[in-house]
Amino acid sequence: MMKPYYFLHIFVWFALSALVFVDNAQAYIDPGTGSMFIQSLVAAIAGGLFVIKTYWHKLKMIFARKKDIPPKLDKNHSNEHK
């Protein structure tokens, strides 16, 4: 019986050897590809800014000092007010 990762091992070695011994591709990148890349980059930046804007209050609270926290009362003092 073969080990379950035997075929994966062979595939990885085959893929790596195919990438190492490849010739020049002589490929052409049309202007539409560059436009798509720029559009994706702008969308990622806009999405990141939207997420920061949406969670700005929570982010500010994480990094802000907590000055307005009232002091905790001891157990003895908390029963006096009831």
N, C-alpha and C. Protein backbone atom coordinates (compact mmCIF):
# COMPACT_ATOMS: atom_id res chain seq x y z
N MET A 1 0.85 -1.18 0.00
CA MET A 1 0.00 0.00 0.00
C MET A 1 0.89 1.24 0.00
N MET A 2 0.54 2.23 -0.85
CA MET A 2 1.33 3.45 -0.95
C MET A 2 0.94 4.42 0.15
N LYS A 3 1.91 5.23 0.53
CA LYS A 3 1.64 6.26 1.52
C LYS A 3 0.74 7.32 0.89
N PRO A 4 -0.13 7.97 1.69
CA PRO A 4 -1.07 8.93 1.11
C PRO A 4 -0.40 10.18 0.53
N TYR A 5 0.75 10.55 1.02
CA TYR A 5 1.41 11.76 0.52
C TYR A 5 2.40 11.48 -0.60
N TYR A 6 2.44 10.25 -1.10
CA TYR A 6 3.36 9.87 -2.16
C TYR A 6 3.09 10.65 -3.44
N PHE A 7 1.83 10.73 -3.85
CA PHE A 7 1.47 11.44 -5.08
C PHE A 7 1.69 12.94 -4.94
N LEU A 8 1.42 13.50 -3.76
CA LEU A 8 1.67 14.92 -3.52
C LEU A 8 3.16 15.21 -3.61
N HIS A 9 3.97 14.32 -3.09
CA HIS A 9 5.42 14.48 -3.13
C HIS A 9 5.92 14.47 -4.59
N ILE A 10 5.42 13.56 -5.38
CA ILE A 10 5.81 13.49 -6.79
C ILE A 10 5.33 14.73 -7.54
N PHE A 11 4.10 15.19 -7.26
CA PHE A 11 3.57 16.37 -7.93
C PHE A 11 4.40 17.60 -7.61
N VAL A 12 4.79 17.78 -6.35
CA VAL A 12 5.59 18.95 -5.97
C VAL A 12 6.93 18.94 -6.68
N TRP A 13 7.58 17.80 -6.74
CA TRP A 13 8.88 17.72 -7.43
C TRP A 13 8.72 17.97 -8.93
N PHE A 14 7.66 17.46 -9.51
CA PHE A 14 7.41 17.68 -10.93
C PHE A 14 7.16 19.16 -11.22
N ALA A 15 6.33 19.81 -10.38
CA ALA A 15 6.02 21.23 -10.58
C ALA A 15 7.27 22.09 -10.41
N LEU A 16 8.08 21.80 -9.41
CA LEU A 16 9.31 22.57 -9.21
C LEU A 16 10.28 22.39 -10.37
N SER A 17 10.41 21.17 -10.86
CA SER A 17 11.32 20.96 -11.98
C SER A 17 10.78 21.62 -13.25
N ALA A 18 9.48 21.65 -13.44
CA ALA A 18 8.89 22.32 -14.60
C ALA A 18 9.12 23.83 -14.53
N LEU A 19 9.11 24.41 -13.35
CA LEU A 19 9.34 25.84 -13.20
C LEU A 19 10.82 26.20 -13.39
N VAL A 20 11.70 25.31 -13.01
CA VAL A 20 13.14 25.59 -13.11
C VAL A 20 13.60 25.51 -14.56
N PHE A 21 13.09 24.56 -15.31
CA PHE A 21 13.58 24.32 -16.67
C PHE A 21 12.71 24.95 -17.76
N VAL A 22 11.95 25.98 -17.43
CA VAL A 22 11.07 26.60 -18.42
C VAL A 22 11.87 27.58 -19.29
N ASP A 23 11.51 27.67 -20.56
CA ASP A 23 12.14 28.62 -21.47
C ASP A 23 11.48 29.98 -21.34
N ASN A 24 12.00 30.95 -22.06
CA ASN A 24 11.37 32.26 -22.08
C ASN A 24 9.97 32.15 -22.65
N ALA A 25 9.03 32.84 -22.04
CA ALA A 25 7.63 32.68 -22.42
C ALA A 25 7.25 33.55 -23.61
N GLN A 26 7.94 34.65 -23.83
CA GLN A 26 7.58 35.59 -24.90
C GLN A 26 6.13 36.01 -24.74
N ALA A 27 5.73 36.30 -23.53
CA ALA A 27 4.34 36.63 -23.24
C ALA A 27 4.11 38.13 -23.44
N TYR A 28 2.85 38.46 -23.64
CA TYR A 28 2.44 39.85 -23.84
C TYR A 28 1.41 40.20 -22.78
N ILE A 29 1.65 41.29 -22.08
CA ILE A 29 0.68 41.77 -21.10
C ILE A 29 0.00 42.99 -21.71
N ASP A 30 -1.28 42.88 -21.98
CA ASP A 30 -2.00 43.96 -22.64
C ASP A 30 -2.34 45.06 -21.63
N PRO A 31 -2.73 46.24 -22.10
CA PRO A 31 -3.06 47.35 -21.19
C PRO A 31 -4.23 47.04 -20.26
N GLY A 32 -5.11 46.16 -20.66
CA GLY A 32 -6.23 45.80 -19.79
C GLY A 32 -5.77 45.13 -18.51
N THR A 33 -4.67 44.36 -18.59
CA THR A 33 -4.14 43.70 -17.40
C THR A 33 -3.58 44.73 -16.43
N GLY A 34 -2.86 45.71 -16.94
CA GLY A 34 -2.34 46.77 -16.08
C GLY A 34 -3.44 47.58 -15.46
N SER A 35 -4.48 47.86 -16.24
CA SER A 35 -5.63 48.58 -15.72
C SER A 35 -6.33 47.79 -14.63
N MET A 36 -6.45 46.49 -14.81
CA MET A 36 -7.07 45.65 -13.80
C MET A 36 -6.24 45.63 -12.51
N PHE A 37 -4.93 45.61 -12.64
CA PHE A 37 -4.04 45.63 -11.47
C PHE A 37 -4.21 46.94 -10.70
N ILE A 38 -4.21 48.06 -11.41
CA ILE A 38 -4.36 49.37 -10.76
C ILE A 38 -5.74 49.48 -10.11
N GLN A 39 -6.77 48.98 -10.77
CA GLN A 39 -8.12 49.02 -10.23
C GLN A 39 -8.21 48.17 -8.95
N SER A 40 -7.57 47.02 -8.94
CA SER A 40 -7.56 46.17 -7.75
C SER A 40 -6.83 46.84 -6.60
N LEU A 41 -5.72 47.51 -6.91
CA LEU A 41 -4.95 48.21 -5.88
C LEU A 41 -5.77 49.35 -5.27
N VAL A 42 -6.44 50.14 -6.11
CA VAL A 42 -7.28 51.24 -5.62
C VAL A 42 -8.44 50.69 -4.79
N ALA A 43 -9.04 49.59 -5.21
CA ALA A 43 -10.15 49.00 -4.45
C ALA A 43 -9.68 48.48 -3.10
N ALA A 44 -8.49 47.90 -3.05
CA ALA A 44 -7.96 47.40 -1.78
C ALA A 44 -7.68 48.56 -0.83
N ILE A 45 -7.12 49.66 -1.34
CA ILE A 45 -6.86 50.83 -0.49
C ILE A 45 -8.17 51.43 0.00
N ALA A 46 -9.16 51.57 -0.89
CA ALA A 46 -10.46 52.12 -0.49
C ALA A 46 -11.15 51.22 0.53
N GLY A 47 -11.05 49.92 0.34
CA GLY A 47 -11.65 48.99 1.30
C GLY A 47 -10.98 49.07 2.65
N GLY A 48 -9.65 49.19 2.66
CA GLY A 48 -8.93 49.33 3.93
C GLY A 48 -9.30 50.61 4.65
N LEU A 49 -9.41 51.71 3.90
CA LEU A 49 -9.81 52.98 4.52
C LEU A 49 -11.24 52.90 5.06
N PHE A 50 -12.13 52.21 4.35
CA PHE A 50 -13.50 52.05 4.83
C PHE A 50 -13.55 51.25 6.12
N VAL A 51 -12.75 50.19 6.20
CA VAL A 51 -12.72 49.39 7.43
C VAL A 51 -12.18 50.21 8.59
N ILE A 52 -11.13 50.99 8.35
CA ILE A 52 -10.58 51.84 9.41
C ILE A 52 -11.63 52.87 9.84
N LYS A 53 -12.32 53.48 8.88
CA LYS A 53 -13.35 54.47 9.21
C LYS A 53 -14.49 53.83 10.00
N THR A 54 -14.87 52.63 9.63
CA THR A 54 -15.97 51.95 10.29
C THR A 54 -15.64 51.61 11.74
N TYR A 55 -14.44 51.15 11.99
CA TYR A 55 -14.05 50.72 13.32
C TYR A 55 -13.15 51.74 14.02
N TRP A 56 -13.18 53.00 13.62
CA TRP A 56 -12.29 54.02 14.18
C TRP A 56 -12.49 54.17 15.67
N HIS A 57 -13.73 54.20 16.14
CA HIS A 57 -13.99 54.38 17.56
C HIS A 57 -13.41 53.22 18.37
N LYS A 58 -13.59 52.01 17.88
CA LYS A 58 -13.04 50.84 18.58
C LYS A 58 -11.52 50.87 18.58
N LEU A 59 -10.92 51.25 17.44
CA LEU A 59 -9.46 51.34 17.38
C LEU A 59 -8.94 52.42 18.32
N LYS A 60 -9.66 53.52 18.39
CA LYS A 60 -9.25 54.61 19.26
C LYS A 60 -9.32 54.18 20.72
N MET A 61 -10.34 53.43 21.08
CA MET A 61 -10.48 52.96 22.46
C MET A 61 -9.39 51.95 22.83
N ILE A 62 -8.94 51.17 21.87
CA ILE A 62 -7.88 50.20 22.16
C ILE A 62 -6.58 50.92 22.51
N PHE A 63 -6.26 51.97 21.76
CA PHE A 63 -4.99 52.66 21.95
C PHE A 63 -5.04 53.83 22.93
N ALA A 64 -6.24 54.22 23.34
CA ALA A 64 -6.37 55.36 24.25
C ALA A 64 -6.17 54.90 25.69
N ARG A 65 -5.74 55.84 26.50
CA ARG A 65 -5.63 55.54 27.93
C ARG A 65 -7.03 55.56 28.53
N LYS A 66 -7.22 54.75 29.52
CA LYS A 66 -8.53 54.68 30.16
C LYS A 66 -8.48 55.55 31.42
N LYS A 67 -8.78 56.85 31.27
CA LYS A 67 -8.70 57.80 32.37
C LYS A 67 -10.01 57.89 33.16
N ASP A 68 -11.12 57.65 32.52
CA ASP A 68 -12.42 57.88 33.14
C ASP A 68 -13.00 56.66 33.84
N ILE A 69 -12.17 55.70 34.18
CA ILE A 69 -12.67 54.50 34.85
C ILE A 69 -12.83 54.82 36.33
N PRO A 70 -14.02 54.63 36.90
CA PRO A 70 -14.19 54.91 38.32
C PRO A 70 -13.43 53.86 39.15
N PRO A 71 -12.93 54.25 40.32
CA PRO A 71 -12.19 53.29 41.14
C PRO A 71 -13.13 52.20 41.65
N LYS A 72 -12.60 51.01 41.77
CA LYS A 72 -13.40 49.90 42.28
C LYS A 72 -13.58 50.04 43.78
N LEU A 73 -14.75 49.69 44.25
CA LEU A 73 -15.03 49.74 45.67
C LEU A 73 -14.66 48.41 46.31
N ASP A 74 -14.24 48.50 47.54
CA ASP A 74 -13.96 47.27 48.28
C ASP A 74 -15.27 46.55 48.59
N LYS A 75 -15.18 45.31 48.94
CA LYS A 75 -16.38 44.54 49.27
C LYS A 75 -17.06 45.11 50.51
N ASN A 76 -16.28 45.62 51.45
CA ASN A 76 -16.86 46.17 52.69
C ASN A 76 -17.65 47.44 52.41
N HIS A 77 -17.19 48.28 51.52
CA HIS A 77 -17.86 49.53 51.22
C HIS A 77 -19.07 49.36 50.32
N SER A 78 -19.11 48.31 49.51
CA SER A 78 -20.21 48.15 48.58
C SER A 78 -21.50 47.74 49.30
N ASN A 79 -21.40 47.15 50.46
CA ASN A 79 -22.60 46.75 51.21
C ASN A 79 -23.23 47.92 51.96
N GLU A 80 -22.51 49.00 52.19
CA GLU A 80 -23.04 50.14 52.92
C GLU A 80 -24.11 50.88 52.14
N HIS A 81 -24.03 50.89 50.82
CA HIS A 81 -24.94 51.66 50.00
C HIS A 81 -26.24 50.95 49.72
N LYS A 82 -26.39 49.71 50.07
CA LYS A 82 -27.61 48.94 49.79
C LYS A 82 -28.67 49.16 50.81
